[in-house]
Amino acid sequence: MIYGATPLAEGGVRVRVWAPKLETLAVKVSGTIFPMTSSGEDFEVYVPDARPGDLYSFVLDGERERPDPMSRFQPQGVHGPSEIVDPDSFAWTDSSWKGIPLASFIIYELHTGAFTPEGTLEAIISKLPHLQELGITAIELMPVAEFPGNRNWGYDGVDLYAPHSAYGGPVGLKKLVDACHREGFAVVLDVVYNHLGPEGNYLAEFGPYFTDRYRTPWGSAINYDGPGSDGVRRFVIDNALYWLTEYHIDALRLDAIHGIFDFSARHILADLAERFHDEAERLGRQAWVIAESDLNDVRVIQPRQAGGLQLDAQWLDEFHHSLVGFLTGTERGFLAGFGRLQDVRKAIIEGFVYDGIYSSHRGRRFGNSSRDQPGERFVAFIQNHDQVANTFQGSRLSEIVSIEQYKIAVALLFFSPYLPLLFMGEEFADRSPFLYFTSHGDPELAHAVSEGRRKEFADFATAGEFHDPQSAKTFEDSKIAWSLIQQSPHADVLRLYRDLIALRKRTPCLSNCRKDLLRVDFSENGRWLKLERSDPGGSRALLVCNFSEPSPETVPPADWHLALQTSSVPGPRADLYLTKTSY
């Protein structure tokens, strides 16, 4: 990283910043001001007595003090000074770690603040044995870049290079990644390149980071294709490489790429993915780029030769929408247009349900076909942070449907040919809600966020359901209730997750991500679904899902052997069968 504050081997610190909007610039280090020299669009200065741990800030036009746009640490928050960090001071122990194949990812998404009572990155380490016993192979962190206050989902980050101070800062994140690699977990980091938060966002004072040519639902769009965008593109790509190199991150999950607007000849995400993969190859590691996309467009994952961005995978929202829409009968908001078993079948065997057909929610034809894309290109889930908080005002799926129906959904997730993602606590049917929370310091902004949230999700809310994002109680209520894990029915649900993950790992036909070796039959009226998966080596598995009472039509032939049952009593259940050649 050539920008920011860089400690030098011979002593002192070099400070460099891209600031084409400024005529003059100085840096204040430990109370002393050092004028900076301009070279083109950059300003630079060598501070001989500076050292790691010193606080510094930029002085713009001789009056305004601002943190470094590429600050590695903001110990006093988004408005305070930056801290000089030596990137080489941490003693890594993961030199033998080379990453894991994408097809092996079983992802566990978590929010650092709500996952443990302590709410820190280092505290997550104490839960690694639980995740290991569960069978997880990759841990996904919701965004950790410095945001205003101590409570936030992380999508309001403004210091993209600085792990949040309340979470434990740079050392906390490095300790967690090092521990994960020691225990065999890959680490996925959620990053936000479609917008920055409104509070503490000082980038526009340095350069043309934003544009008014496009608008996102969250504020000004980032300038990826207008005048001055070369420096903005470099800032974002360098950030992706920073997490890979300085923090040994194994994969990036790019938030809401439909909010990234770039009509240049070479899309920013194509550039980012290529540079990220090249750097991983140079390091001798496997590393991946995964998108969250609301586009239903396979060009996100298609190779560049076919006009694609060549990202490695993308989230498959419509697996969730079709299954949850069917289980709940809900047609509010973006669940409109789902709710039939034929939608569930299409999501499982093809991916996109809306593949060029008319969407009533969007009022137009939407999407293209993902039928020919392999399963490992998609991340499927029955819950994630967005769906829990936004679709049902914080209620988890296990609180909305019966525990029997919930278990069927779990079985479908792990039987699917996609990369499964769990949201923290779902493995034992946690009862804690997951709500949207913030801790903005600006009173006007705080009020605007609360009112905006109230209006944005009016389609999903009913009287008395609103939870104020600014309330500390909203955050505290969202913390995982680990005390439930030994109680019934939570212990039973946990056992089911462990059994299904173990079956998926040791059964080739369940882990091969082959959509072309998958057959799905269903009856809309009978409310049953049958899935059969196979493998070239001879492994075969059958999942029979009866959403009502078991039907004679779902009884398998005698050569199938029952391997797992979600319920042993009459009523809704899923039965998983294997052939003798499968185990």
Foldseek 3Di string as FASTA:
>chain_A
DPAAWEADPVAWIKHKAQFQLADWKWKAKQRRIGTWDDDHRMTMDTGRHDDFFIWMFMQGPNHDTAEGLQAAADQPALRGTGTHDHLPPDDFDLLVQFEDDLLQAQEEEEEQQFADVLSALQVVLVCVVVVVLLPGAEYEYQAQATAADDDASRQQHANLNWGYNSRPIPVSLLNNCRSSSVVRHAYEYEGEQFDHHDPSRPVVNRFQQFDPPDADPRGTGGDCADPPNVVNLCVVLVSLVCCCPSRVHAEYEYEACVSHDYPDPQDSLLVSQVVNVVVSVVSNHHHFYEYEYPAQECLQCDDVVVVRSNGQAYEQVQLQLQLLCQQQVDCFAPSNPHRFVVSNVCCQLWRDSQAQPADPNVRGRGHHTRNPPFQSRYEYENDELCCQCQQANFFDPCVRGPVQSVLLSLLSQLQGLHRYYHYPPVQLPFGQGRYGADAHPDVVVLVVVQVVSCVVRVRRDDPPSRDRRNDPVNSVSRHTPVVCCPPPPRVVSNVSSSQSSVLLVQFCQSSVSGSVQKDKDDDRVQQKIKMWTADPQGKIKIKIWRQFFDDPVRDDDPQWDWDDKSDDDTTTIMTMTIGPSGD
